[in-house]
Amino acid sequence: MAQIILLAGLAGFASALLSGMLTPGMMSLAFLFLVAPLPLFITSFGWHALAGALAGLLGAILIDLTTGNRAAMAFVIPAAAERAFAAPDRDIRRDGIVMGQLALVMAGYLAMVIVVTSLWIEPDYARFVTRLREFVADGLRVMSVPGNPALADPATFNRVVELMASIMLPVSGLIIIVTLVMSAAFGAMVAERSGRLSYGKPGFNGFRLPGGSLILFGAALLVTMWDGYMGVFAEILALGLGFLLMLQGLAVLHMRLAGQNGRGLLLTAAWGSILIFGLPALLFVGVGFADHLLDLRNRERAGR
């Protein structure tokens, strides 16, 4: 028990340190935020689910006590859910839907954390937006080089501030979801290769959002037109669901290319096109929609 608590403490500290919240002046290490939850997942997959959950809680408390940042609660991950993959009757479809359920819960949880944190800072949404614009404007002034034309033209500067302030919370939520997905994947790989994973690593080929996700996605898009914190919650949830549908579309491609020559090169090209150009992501969101409605992978298996 003492070993588990010590391990959870070290993992929580490492995750908090990687998040950048404890070292705000070290911009050169900002990219490490993308793998900040990795120690939590390695602890959960490689030792025990409750150890990972405890590590997340300790990391969040450390950030909160050090910086007062309530958004640290985003690092309290439902790590205990990995126990679902230890069931003896596993198959690719079951694993896929379990991963989809966990991803959906994660997206909703993060949207809630960001909105509740914003409410904690300022209950009045109009005042919160004003404070957010001032924060963005100050940041742009500090980071801009002398002679920047955006600073010279007040109208252009105000438009940039307005745009960045309007997308800051939804984009922040999307970035956190991406970091959690990346860290979960790498954490499972590390635990498996170190021989500590007590069950077979779930295959990405079967990833699928649970039934009703498209209805939830449509409802979230409608609610984004509302003003206030409810609209912000819907924006974060809609972006998160869009990203998860993209992953479902990529999972279709992974299964379609299984066993084919050049699979690694084609998958690298697909993922790379998303990272470099961005727009191909919309194509895979569409594939995810189609798979959700038509169950493309089940039809492919049935045709073999």
C-alpha atoms as a PDB file:
ATOM      1  CA  MET A   1       0.000   0.000   0.000  1.00  0.00           C
ATOM      2  CA  ALA A   2       2.816   2.416   0.906  1.00  0.00           C
ATOM      3  CA  GLN A   3       4.481   1.649  -2.429  1.00  0.00           C
ATOM      4  CA  ILE A   4       1.273   2.421  -4.343  1.00  0.00           C
ATOM      5  CA  ILE A   5       0.809   5.736  -2.494  1.00  0.00           C
ATOM      6  CA  LEU A   6       4.442   6.723  -3.147  1.00  0.00           C
ATOM      7  CA  LEU A   7       4.091   5.795  -6.810  1.00  0.00           C
ATOM      8  CA  ALA A   8       0.853   7.774  -7.104  1.00  0.00           C
ATOM      9  CA  GLY A   9       2.507  10.784  -5.480  1.00  0.00           C
ATOM     10  CA  LEU A  10       5.463  10.687  -7.884  1.00  0.00           C
ATOM     11  CA  ALA A  11       3.179  10.250 -10.904  1.00  0.00           C
ATOM     12  CA  GLY A  12       0.928  13.096  -9.768  1.00  0.00           C
ATOM     13  CA  PHE A  13       3.924  15.399  -9.263  1.00  0.00           C
ATOM     14  CA  ALA A  14       5.357  14.461 -12.680  1.00  0.00           C
ATOM     15  CA  SER A  15       2.020  15.110 -14.374  1.00  0.00           C
ATOM     16  CA  ALA A  16       1.605  18.471 -12.642  1.00  0.00           C
ATOM     17  CA  LEU A  17       5.148  19.453 -13.638  1.00  0.00           C
ATOM     18  CA  LEU A  18       4.625  18.459 -17.275  1.00  0.00           C
ATOM     19  CA  SER A  19       1.376  20.451 -17.397  1.00  0.00           C
ATOM     20  CA  GLY A  20       3.396  23.688 -17.212  1.00  0.00           C
ATOM     21  CA  MET A  21       1.146  25.120 -14.503  1.00  0.00           C
ATOM     22  CA  LEU A  22       3.960  24.886 -11.944  1.00  0.00           C
ATOM     23  CA  THR A  23       6.564  26.395 -14.299  1.00  0.00           C
ATOM     24  CA  PRO A  24       4.744  29.130 -16.260  1.00  0.00           C
ATOM     25  CA  GLY A  25       7.974  30.931 -17.184  1.00  0.00           C
ATOM     26  CA  MET A  26       9.552  27.985 -19.015  1.00  0.00           C
ATOM     27  CA  MET A  27       7.979  28.431 -22.446  1.00  0.00           C
ATOM     28  CA  SER A  28      10.589  26.142 -24.033  1.00  0.00           C
ATOM     29  CA  LEU A  29       8.973  23.196 -22.231  1.00  0.00           C
ATOM     30  CA  ALA A  30       5.396  24.143 -23.148  1.00  0.00           C
ATOM     31  CA  PHE A  31       5.140  21.266 -25.641  1.00  0.00           C
ATOM     32  CA  LEU A  32       5.397  18.810 -22.722  1.00  0.00           C
ATOM     33  CA  PHE A  33       1.808  19.759 -21.859  1.00  0.00           C
ATOM     34  CA  LEU A  34       0.767  17.414 -24.669  1.00  0.00           C
ATOM     35  CA  VAL A  35       1.939  14.421 -22.621  1.00  0.00           C
ATOM     36  CA  ALA A  36       1.198  15.788 -19.140  1.00  0.00           C
ATOM     37  CA  PRO A  37      -1.288  13.015 -18.231  1.00  0.00           C
ATOM     38  CA  LEU A  38       1.101  10.276 -19.436  1.00  0.00           C
ATOM     39  CA  PRO A  39       2.469   9.403 -15.937  1.00  0.00           C
ATOM     40  CA  LEU A  40      -1.109   8.958 -14.699  1.00  0.00           C
ATOM     41  CA  PHE A  41      -1.979   6.474 -17.440  1.00  0.00           C
ATOM     42  CA  ILE A  42       1.283   4.555 -17.081  1.00  0.00           C
ATOM     43  CA  THR A  43       0.562   4.209 -13.353  1.00  0.00           C
ATOM     44  CA  SER A  44      -3.025   3.139 -13.987  1.00  0.00           C
ATOM     45  CA  PHE A  45      -2.308   0.619 -16.748  1.00  0.00           C
ATOM     46  CA  GLY A  46       0.959  -0.688 -15.313  1.00  0.00           C
ATOM     47  CA  TRP A  47       0.161  -0.914 -11.605  1.00  0.00           C
ATOM     48  CA  HIS A  48      -3.442  -0.365 -10.548  1.00  0.00           C
ATOM     49  CA  ALA A  49      -6.411   1.705 -11.705  1.00  0.00           C
ATOM     50  CA  LEU A  50      -6.893   3.270  -8.269  1.00  0.00           C
ATOM     51  CA  ALA A  51      -3.204   4.250  -8.192  1.00  0.00           C
ATOM     52  CA  GLY A  52      -3.726   6.189 -11.427  1.00  0.00           C
ATOM     53  CA  ALA A  53      -6.841   7.872 -10.060  1.00  0.00           C
ATOM     54  CA  LEU A  54      -5.005   8.777  -6.836  1.00  0.00           C
ATOM     55  CA  ALA A  55      -2.097  10.183  -8.863  1.00  0.00           C
ATOM     56  CA  GLY A  56      -4.495  12.391 -10.796  1.00  0.00           C
ATOM     57  CA  LEU A  57      -6.111  13.643  -7.591  1.00  0.00           C
ATOM     58  CA  LEU A  58      -2.753  14.388  -5.947  1.00  0.00           C
ATOM     59  CA  GLY A  59      -1.529  16.198  -9.066  1.00  0.00           C
ATOM     60  CA  ALA A  60      -4.685  18.308  -9.206  1.00  0.00           C
ATOM     61  CA  ILE A  61      -4.411  19.209  -5.508  1.00  0.00           C
ATOM     62  CA  LEU A  62      -0.741  20.182  -5.974  1.00  0.00           C
ATOM     63  CA  ILE A  63      -1.581  22.488  -8.891  1.00  0.00           C
ATOM     64  CA  ASP A  64      -4.540  23.972  -7.041  1.00  0.00           C
ATOM     65  CA  LEU A  65      -2.520  24.671  -3.881  1.00  0.00           C
ATOM     66  CA  THR A  66       0.436  26.082  -5.818  1.00  0.00           C
ATOM     67  CA  THR A  67      -1.332  28.193  -8.440  1.00  0.00           C
ATOM     68  CA  GLY A  68      -4.991  28.339  -7.361  1.00  0.00           C
ATOM     69  CA  ASN A  69      -5.931  26.998 -10.807  1.00  0.00           C
ATOM     70  CA  ARG A  70      -9.199  25.083 -10.400  1.00  0.00           C
ATOM     71  CA  ALA A  71      -8.860  23.811 -13.965  1.00  0.00           C
ATOM     72  CA  ALA A  72      -6.340  21.363 -12.497  1.00  0.00           C
ATOM     73  CA  MET A  73      -9.336  19.132 -11.836  1.00  0.00           C
ATOM     74  CA  ALA A  74      -9.134  18.275 -15.541  1.00  0.00           C
ATOM     75  CA  PHE A  75      -6.238  16.008 -14.539  1.00  0.00           C
ATOM     76  CA  VAL A  76      -8.446  13.910 -12.292  1.00  0.00           C
ATOM     77  CA  ILE A  77      -8.997  11.193 -14.868  1.00  0.00           C
ATOM     78  CA  PRO A  78     -11.476   8.302 -14.410  1.00  0.00           C
ATOM     79  CA  ALA A  79      -8.499   5.919 -14.574  1.00  0.00           C
ATOM     80  CA  ALA A  80     -10.426   3.133 -12.864  1.00  0.00           C
ATOM     81  CA  ALA A  81     -12.290   2.611 -16.137  1.00  0.00           C
ATOM     82  CA  GLU A  82      -9.329   0.650 -17.511  1.00  0.00           C
ATOM     83  CA  ARG A  83     -10.535  -2.302 -15.420  1.00  0.00           C
ATOM     84  CA  ALA A  84     -13.225  -2.797 -18.061  1.00  0.00           C
ATOM     85  CA  PHE A  85     -10.597  -4.242 -20.395  1.00  0.00           C
ATOM     86  CA  ALA A  86      -9.658  -6.995 -17.945  1.00  0.00           C
ATOM     87  CA  ALA A  87     -12.923  -8.865 -18.580  1.00  0.00           C
ATOM     88  CA  PRO A  88     -12.425 -12.416 -19.923  1.00  0.00           C
ATOM     89  CA  ASP A  89     -15.064 -12.145 -22.684  1.00  0.00           C
ATOM     90  CA  ARG A  90     -13.384  -9.340 -24.599  1.00  0.00           C
ATOM     91  CA  ASP A  91     -13.610  -8.919 -28.366  1.00  0.00           C
ATOM     92  CA  ILE A  92     -12.790  -6.071 -30.732  1.00  0.00           C
ATOM     93  CA  ARG A  93     -16.363  -4.758 -30.892  1.00  0.00           C
ATOM     94  CA  ARG A  94     -16.745  -4.740 -27.119  1.00  0.00           C
ATOM     95  CA  ASP A  95     -13.366  -3.073 -26.652  1.00  0.00           C
ATOM     96  CA  GLY A  96     -14.250  -0.498 -29.293  1.00  0.00           C
ATOM     97  CA  ILE A  97     -17.545   0.518 -27.719  1.00  0.00           C
ATOM     98  CA  VAL A  98     -15.981   0.627 -24.231  1.00  0.00           C
ATOM     99  CA  MET A  99     -13.296   2.978 -25.532  1.00  0.00           C
ATOM    100  CA  GLY A 100     -16.020   5.087 -27.144  1.00  0.00           C
ATOM    101  CA  GLN A 101     -18.008   5.260 -23.912  1.00  0.00           C
ATOM    102  CA  LEU A 102     -14.929   6.313 -21.948  1.00  0.00           C
ATOM    103  CA  ALA A 103     -14.046   8.946 -24.550  1.00  0.00           C
ATOM    104  CA  LEU A 104     -17.584  10.375 -24.452  1.00  0.00           C
ATOM    105  CA  VAL A 105     -17.546  10.571 -20.649  1.00  0.00           C
ATOM    106  CA  MET A 106     -14.127  12.236 -20.804  1.00  0.00           C
ATOM    107  CA  ALA A 107     -15.366  14.907 -23.247  1.00  0.00           C
ATOM    108  CA  GLY A 108     -18.399  15.696 -21.098  1.00  0.00           C
ATOM    109  CA  TYR A 109     -16.311  15.769 -17.915  1.00  0.00           C
ATOM    110  CA  LEU A 110     -13.776  18.191 -19.375  1.00  0.00           C
ATOM    111  CA  ALA A 111     -16.503  20.495 -20.683  1.00  0.00           C
ATOM    112  CA  MET A 112     -18.007  20.538 -17.192  1.00  0.00           C
ATOM    113  CA  VAL A 113     -14.632  21.234 -15.519  1.00  0.00           C
ATOM    114  CA  ILE A 114     -13.868  24.177 -17.811  1.00  0.00           C
ATOM    115  CA  VAL A 115     -17.320  25.727 -17.376  1.00  0.00           C
ATOM    116  CA  VAL A 116     -17.368  25.224 -13.590  1.00  0.00           C
ATOM    117  CA  THR A 117     -13.874  26.732 -13.354  1.00  0.00           C
ATOM    118  CA  SER A 118     -15.016  29.744 -15.373  1.00  0.00           C
ATOM    119  CA  LEU A 119     -18.061  30.123 -13.134  1.00  0.00           C
ATOM    120  CA  TRP A 120     -15.771  29.978 -10.101  1.00  0.00           C
ATOM    121  CA  ILE A 121     -13.679  32.821 -11.533  1.00  0.00           C
ATOM    122  CA  GLU A 122     -16.665  34.974 -12.523  1.00  0.00           C
ATOM    123  CA  PRO A 123     -20.325  33.917 -12.172  1.00  0.00           C
ATOM    124  CA  ASP A 124     -21.481  36.698 -14.501  1.00  0.00           C
ATOM    125  CA  TYR A 125     -20.738  35.575 -18.072  1.00  0.00           C
ATOM    126  CA  ALA A 126     -20.581  39.088 -19.541  1.00  0.00           C
ATOM    127  CA  ARG A 127     -17.988  40.123 -16.954  1.00  0.00           C
ATOM    128  CA  PHE A 128     -16.064  36.898 -17.545  1.00  0.00           C
ATOM    129  CA  VAL A 129     -15.869  37.636 -21.283  1.00  0.00           C
ATOM    130  CA  THR A 130     -14.650  41.156 -20.516  1.00  0.00           C
ATOM    131  CA  ARG A 131     -11.928  39.798 -18.233  1.00  0.00           C
ATOM    132  CA  LEU A 132     -10.987  37.209 -20.846  1.00  0.00           C
ATOM    133  CA  ARG A 133     -10.636  39.901 -23.527  1.00  0.00           C
ATOM    134  CA  GLU A 134      -8.422  41.953 -21.228  1.00  0.00           C
ATOM    135  CA  PHE A 135      -6.280  38.881 -20.540  1.00  0.00           C
ATOM    136  CA  VAL A 136      -5.911  38.149 -24.274  1.00  0.00           C
ATOM    137  CA  ALA A 137      -5.133  41.796 -25.076  1.00  0.00           C
ATOM    138  CA  ASP A 138      -2.438  41.971 -22.390  1.00  0.00           C
ATOM    139  CA  GLY A 139      -0.935  38.709 -23.613  1.00  0.00           C
ATOM    140  CA  LEU A 140      -0.826  39.897 -27.234  1.00  0.00           C
ATOM    141  CA  ARG A 141       0.841  43.147 -26.213  1.00  0.00           C
ATOM    142  CA  VAL A 142       3.493  41.290 -24.224  1.00  0.00           C
ATOM    143  CA  MET A 143       4.232  38.710 -26.931  1.00  0.00           C
ATOM    144  CA  SER A 144       4.061  41.006 -29.974  1.00  0.00           C
ATOM    145  CA  VAL A 145       7.282  42.356 -31.459  1.00  0.00           C
ATOM    146  CA  PRO A 146       7.751  46.130 -31.786  1.00  0.00           C
ATOM    147  CA  GLY A 147       6.177  47.504 -34.951  1.00  0.00           C
ATOM    148  CA  ASN A 148       3.575  44.766 -35.235  1.00  0.00           C
ATOM    149  CA  PRO A 149       0.866  46.164 -37.562  1.00  0.00           C
ATOM    150  CA  ALA A 150      -1.858  44.511 -35.473  1.00  0.00           C
ATOM    151  CA  LEU A 151      -0.915  46.766 -32.560  1.00  0.00           C
ATOM    152  CA  ALA A 152      -0.684  49.863 -34.739  1.00  0.00           C
ATOM    153  CA  ASP A 153      -4.279  49.509 -35.962  1.00  0.00           C
ATOM    154  CA  PRO A 154      -6.704  49.503 -32.991  1.00  0.00           C
ATOM    155  CA  ALA A 155      -9.570  48.108 -35.094  1.00  0.00           C
ATOM    156  CA  THR A 156      -7.488  45.128 -36.280  1.00  0.00           C
ATOM    157  CA  PHE A 157      -6.166  44.563 -32.776  1.00  0.00           C
ATOM    158  CA  ASN A 158      -9.668  44.535 -31.315  1.00  0.00           C
ATOM    159  CA  ARG A 159     -10.860  42.041 -33.946  1.00  0.00           C
ATOM    160  CA  VAL A 160      -7.955  39.710 -33.153  1.00  0.00           C
ATOM    161  CA  VAL A 161      -8.664  39.993 -29.421  1.00  0.00           C
ATOM    162  CA  GLU A 162     -12.371  39.322 -29.983  1.00  0.00           C
ATOM    163  CA  LEU A 163     -11.645  36.243 -32.097  1.00  0.00           C
ATOM    164  CA  MET A 164      -9.084  34.754 -29.716  1.00  0.00           C
ATOM    165  CA  ALA A 165     -11.259  35.385 -26.661  1.00  0.00           C
ATOM    166  CA  SER A 166     -14.268  33.737 -28.335  1.00  0.00           C
ATOM    167  CA  ILE A 167     -12.392  30.533 -29.195  1.00  0.00           C
ATOM    168  CA  MET A 168     -10.082  30.274 -26.179  1.00  0.00           C
ATOM    169  CA  LEU A 169     -12.261  28.080 -23.955  1.00  0.00           C
ATOM    170  CA  PRO A 170     -13.539  25.680 -26.658  1.00  0.00           C
ATOM    171  CA  VAL A 171     -10.072  25.266 -28.194  1.00  0.00           C
ATOM    172  CA  SER A 172      -8.541  24.746 -24.746  1.00  0.00           C
ATOM    173  CA  GLY A 173     -11.040  21.950 -24.136  1.00  0.00           C
ATOM    174  CA  LEU A 174     -10.193  20.350 -27.490  1.00  0.00           C
ATOM    175  CA  ILE A 175      -6.455  20.514 -26.747  1.00  0.00           C
ATOM    176  CA  ILE A 176      -6.955  18.829 -23.371  1.00  0.00           C
ATOM    177  CA  ILE A 177      -9.025  16.047 -24.979  1.00  0.00           C
ATOM    178  CA  VAL A 178      -6.263  15.494 -27.542  1.00  0.00           C
ATOM    179  CA  THR A 179      -3.627  15.331 -24.793  1.00  0.00           C
ATOM    180  CA  LEU A 180      -5.666  12.768 -22.857  1.00  0.00           C
ATOM    181  CA  VAL A 181      -6.164  10.569 -25.929  1.00  0.00           C
ATOM    182  CA  MET A 182      -2.458  10.743 -26.805  1.00  0.00           C
ATOM    183  CA  SER A 183      -1.379  10.041 -23.236  1.00  0.00           C
ATOM    184  CA  ALA A 184      -3.796   7.118 -22.861  1.00  0.00           C
ATOM    185  CA  ALA A 185      -2.475   5.528 -26.064  1.00  0.00           C
ATOM    186  CA  PHE A 186       1.187   6.025 -25.116  1.00  0.00           C
ATOM    187  CA  GLY A 187       0.533   4.941 -21.523  1.00  0.00           C
ATOM    188  CA  ALA A 188      -0.953   1.625 -22.660  1.00  0.00           C
ATOM    189  CA  MET A 189       1.982   1.104 -25.048  1.00  0.00           C
ATOM    190  CA  VAL A 190       4.560   1.777 -22.326  1.00  0.00           C
ATOM    191  CA  ALA A 191       2.807  -0.531 -19.857  1.00  0.00           C
ATOM    192  CA  GLU A 192       2.525  -3.286 -22.486  1.00  0.00           C
ATOM    193  CA  ARG A 193       6.149  -3.083 -23.618  1.00  0.00           C
ATOM    194  CA  SER A 194       7.389  -3.056 -20.038  1.00  0.00           C
ATOM    195  CA  GLY A 195       5.439  -6.257 -19.358  1.00  0.00           C
ATOM    196  CA  ARG A 196       3.210  -4.686 -16.723  1.00  0.00           C
ATOM    197  CA  LEU A 197      -0.067  -4.733 -18.660  1.00  0.00           C
ATOM    198  CA  SER A 198      -2.062  -7.638 -17.266  1.00  0.00           C
ATOM    199  CA  TYR A 199      -4.336  -7.940 -20.320  1.00  0.00           C
ATOM    200  CA  GLY A 200      -4.139  -7.396 -24.070  1.00  0.00           C
ATOM    201  CA  LYS A 201      -3.978  -3.760 -25.144  1.00  0.00           C
ATOM    202  CA  PRO A 202      -7.313  -2.659 -26.710  1.00  0.00           C
ATOM    203  CA  GLY A 203      -7.087  -2.309 -30.494  1.00  0.00           C
ATOM    204  CA  PHE A 204      -7.856   1.065 -32.036  1.00  0.00           C
ATOM    205  CA  ASN A 205      -9.499  -0.668 -35.038  1.00  0.00           C
ATOM    206  CA  GLY A 206     -12.738  -1.177 -33.113  1.00  0.00           C
ATOM    207  CA  PHE A 207     -13.096   2.333 -31.652  1.00  0.00           C
ATOM    208  CA  ARG A 208     -16.747   3.405 -31.850  1.00  0.00           C
ATOM    209  CA  LEU A 209     -18.842   6.017 -30.043  1.00  0.00           C
ATOM    210  CA  PRO A 210     -21.925   4.656 -28.253  1.00  0.00           C
ATOM    211  CA  GLY A 211     -25.425   4.890 -29.696  1.00  0.00           C
ATOM    212  CA  GLY A 212     -27.032   8.300 -29.481  1.00  0.00           C
ATOM    213  CA  SER A 213     -23.721  10.161 -29.912  1.00  0.00           C
ATOM    214  CA  LEU A 214     -24.859  11.738 -33.193  1.00  0.00           C
ATOM    215  CA  ILE A 215     -28.034  12.996 -31.506  1.00  0.00           C
ATOM    216  CA  LEU A 216     -25.923  14.448 -28.711  1.00  0.00           C
ATOM    217  CA  PHE A 217     -23.609  16.024 -31.291  1.00  0.00           C
ATOM    218  CA  GLY A 218     -26.546  17.641 -33.092  1.00  0.00           C
ATOM    219  CA  ALA A 219     -28.037  18.899 -29.834  1.00  0.00           C
ATOM    220  CA  ALA A 220     -24.677  20.352 -28.797  1.00  0.00           C
ATOM    221  CA  LEU A 221     -24.394  22.190 -32.129  1.00  0.00           C
ATOM    222  CA  LEU A 222     -27.834  23.725 -31.579  1.00  0.00           C
ATOM    223  CA  VAL A 223     -27.019  24.822 -28.025  1.00  0.00           C
ATOM    224  CA  THR A 224     -23.796  26.509 -29.221  1.00  0.00           C
ATOM    225  CA  MET A 225     -26.049  29.315 -30.508  1.00  0.00           C
ATOM    226  CA  TRP A 226     -27.016  30.162 -26.919  1.00  0.00           C
ATOM    227  CA  ASP A 227     -25.223  32.889 -25.019  1.00  0.00           C
ATOM    228  CA  GLY A 228     -23.639  32.266 -21.653  1.00  0.00           C
ATOM    229  CA  TYR A 229     -21.905  29.341 -20.050  1.00  0.00           C
ATOM    230  CA  MET A 230     -24.357  26.813 -21.453  1.00  0.00           C
ATOM    231  CA  GLY A 231     -23.256  27.787 -24.946  1.00  0.00           C
ATOM    232  CA  VAL A 232     -19.598  27.424 -23.940  1.00  0.00           C
ATOM    233  CA  PHE A 233     -20.273  23.952 -22.539  1.00  0.00           C
ATOM    234  CA  ALA A 234     -21.968  22.967 -25.802  1.00  0.00           C
ATOM    235  CA  GLU A 235     -19.071  24.355 -27.881  1.00  0.00           C
ATOM    236  CA  ILE A 236     -16.505  22.316 -25.959  1.00  0.00           C
ATOM    237  CA  LEU A 237     -18.655  19.183 -26.134  1.00  0.00           C
ATOM    238  CA  ALA A 238     -19.322  19.633 -29.877  1.00  0.00           C
ATOM    239  CA  LEU A 239     -15.608  20.094 -30.631  1.00  0.00           C
ATOM    240  CA  GLY A 240     -14.778  17.053 -28.509  1.00  0.00           C
ATOM    241  CA  LEU A 241     -17.391  14.913 -30.257  1.00  0.00           C
ATOM    242  CA  GLY A 242     -16.149  16.100 -33.629  1.00  0.00           C
ATOM    243  CA  PHE A 243     -12.631  14.990 -32.707  1.00  0.00           C
ATOM    244  CA  LEU A 244     -13.903  11.618 -31.486  1.00  0.00           C
ATOM    245  CA  LEU A 245     -15.895  11.104 -34.699  1.00  0.00           C
ATOM    246  CA  MET A 246     -12.681  11.824 -36.589  1.00  0.00           C
ATOM    247  CA  LEU A 247     -10.990   9.091 -34.568  1.00  0.00           C
ATOM    248  CA  GLN A 248     -13.840   6.733 -35.440  1.00  0.00           C
ATOM    249  CA  GLY A 249     -13.303   7.534 -39.120  1.00  0.00           C
ATOM    250  CA  LEU A 250      -9.595   6.810 -38.756  1.00  0.00           C
ATOM    251  CA  ALA A 251     -10.441   3.535 -36.999  1.00  0.00           C
ATOM    252  CA  VAL A 252     -12.400   2.522 -40.104  1.00  0.00           C
ATOM    253  CA  LEU A 253      -9.297   3.184 -42.197  1.00  0.00           C
ATOM    254  CA  HIS A 254      -7.137   1.189 -39.760  1.00  0.00           C
ATOM    255  CA  MET A 255      -9.432  -1.835 -40.090  1.00  0.00           C
ATOM    256  CA  ARG A 256      -9.825  -1.450 -43.842  1.00  0.00           C
ATOM    257  CA  LEU A 257      -6.043  -1.550 -44.319  1.00  0.00           C
ATOM    258  CA  ALA A 258      -5.454  -4.445 -41.888  1.00  0.00           C
ATOM    259  CA  GLY A 259      -3.144  -7.031 -43.428  1.00  0.00           C
ATOM    260  CA  GLN A 260      -2.467  -5.021 -46.596  1.00  0.00           C
ATOM    261  CA  ASN A 261       0.940  -4.128 -47.986  1.00  0.00           C
ATOM    262  CA  GLY A 262       2.035  -0.572 -47.336  1.00  0.00           C
ATOM    263  CA  ARG A 263      -0.403  -0.206 -44.449  1.00  0.00           C
ATOM    264  CA  GLY A 264       2.086   1.690 -42.269  1.00  0.00           C
ATOM    265  CA  LEU A 265       2.912   4.183 -45.010  1.00  0.00           C
ATOM    266  CA  LEU A 266      -0.746   4.835 -45.835  1.00  0.00           C
ATOM    267  CA  LEU A 267      -1.716   5.307 -42.190  1.00  0.00           C
ATOM    268  CA  THR A 268       1.244   7.641 -41.657  1.00  0.00           C
ATOM    269  CA  ALA A 269       0.112   9.670 -44.669  1.00  0.00           C
ATOM    270  CA  ALA A 270      -3.464   9.861 -43.328  1.00  0.00           C
ATOM    271  CA  TRP A 271      -2.464  10.982 -39.841  1.00  0.00           C
ATOM    272  CA  GLY A 272       0.192  13.313 -41.242  1.00  0.00           C
ATOM    273  CA  SER A 273      -2.273  15.002 -43.595  1.00  0.00           C
ATOM    274  CA  ILE A 274      -4.464  15.837 -40.607  1.00  0.00           C
ATOM    275  CA  LEU A 275      -1.574  17.245 -38.589  1.00  0.00           C
ATOM    276  CA  ILE A 276      -0.129  19.266 -41.473  1.00  0.00           C
ATOM    277  CA  PHE A 277      -3.190  20.438 -43.413  1.00  0.00           C
ATOM    278  CA  GLY A 278      -6.066  20.071 -40.947  1.00  0.00           C
ATOM    279  CA  LEU A 279      -8.852  19.946 -43.547  1.00  0.00           C
ATOM    280  CA  PRO A 280      -8.606  16.149 -44.109  1.00  0.00           C
ATOM    281  CA  ALA A 281      -9.933  15.851 -40.557  1.00  0.00           C
ATOM    282  CA  LEU A 282     -13.361  16.834 -41.901  1.00  0.00           C
ATOM    283  CA  LEU A 283     -13.225  13.911 -44.320  1.00  0.00           C
ATOM    284  CA  PHE A 284     -12.622  11.474 -41.493  1.00  0.00           C
ATOM    285  CA  VAL A 285     -15.376  13.089 -39.423  1.00  0.00           C
ATOM    286  CA  GLY A 286     -17.658  12.264 -42.343  1.00  0.00           C
ATOM    287  CA  VAL A 287     -16.405   8.681 -42.410  1.00  0.00           C
ATOM    288  CA  GLY A 288     -17.070   8.492 -38.674  1.00  0.00           C
ATOM    289  CA  PHE A 289     -20.642   9.704 -39.277  1.00  0.00           C
ATOM    290  CA  ALA A 290     -21.137   7.070 -41.968  1.00  0.00           C
ATOM    291  CA  ASP A 291     -19.702   4.312 -39.794  1.00  0.00           C
ATOM    292  CA  HIS A 292     -21.933   5.329 -36.912  1.00  0.00           C
ATOM    293  CA  LEU A 293     -25.035   5.183 -39.109  1.00  0.00           C
ATOM    294  CA  LEU A 294     -24.157   2.244 -41.374  1.00  0.00           C
ATOM    295  CA  ASP A 295     -21.691   0.199 -39.271  1.00  0.00           C
ATOM    296  CA  LEU A 296     -19.192   0.020 -42.140  1.00  0.00           C
ATOM    297  CA  ARG A 297     -16.745  -2.236 -40.301  1.00  0.00           C
ATOM    298  CA  ASN A 298     -19.367  -4.854 -39.481  1.00  0.00           C
ATOM    299  CA  ARG A 299     -20.417  -4.941 -43.145  1.00  0.00           C
ATOM    300  CA  GLU A 300     -16.797  -5.391 -44.156  1.00  0.00           C
ATOM    301  CA  ARG A 301     -16.353  -8.319 -41.749  1.00  0.00           C
ATOM    302  CA  ALA A 302     -19.615  -9.874 -42.939  1.00  0.00           C
ATOM    303  CA  GLY A 303     -18.465  -9.670 -46.552  1.00  0.00           C
ATOM    304  CA  ARG A 304     -15.268 -11.617 -45.892  1.00  0.00           C
END
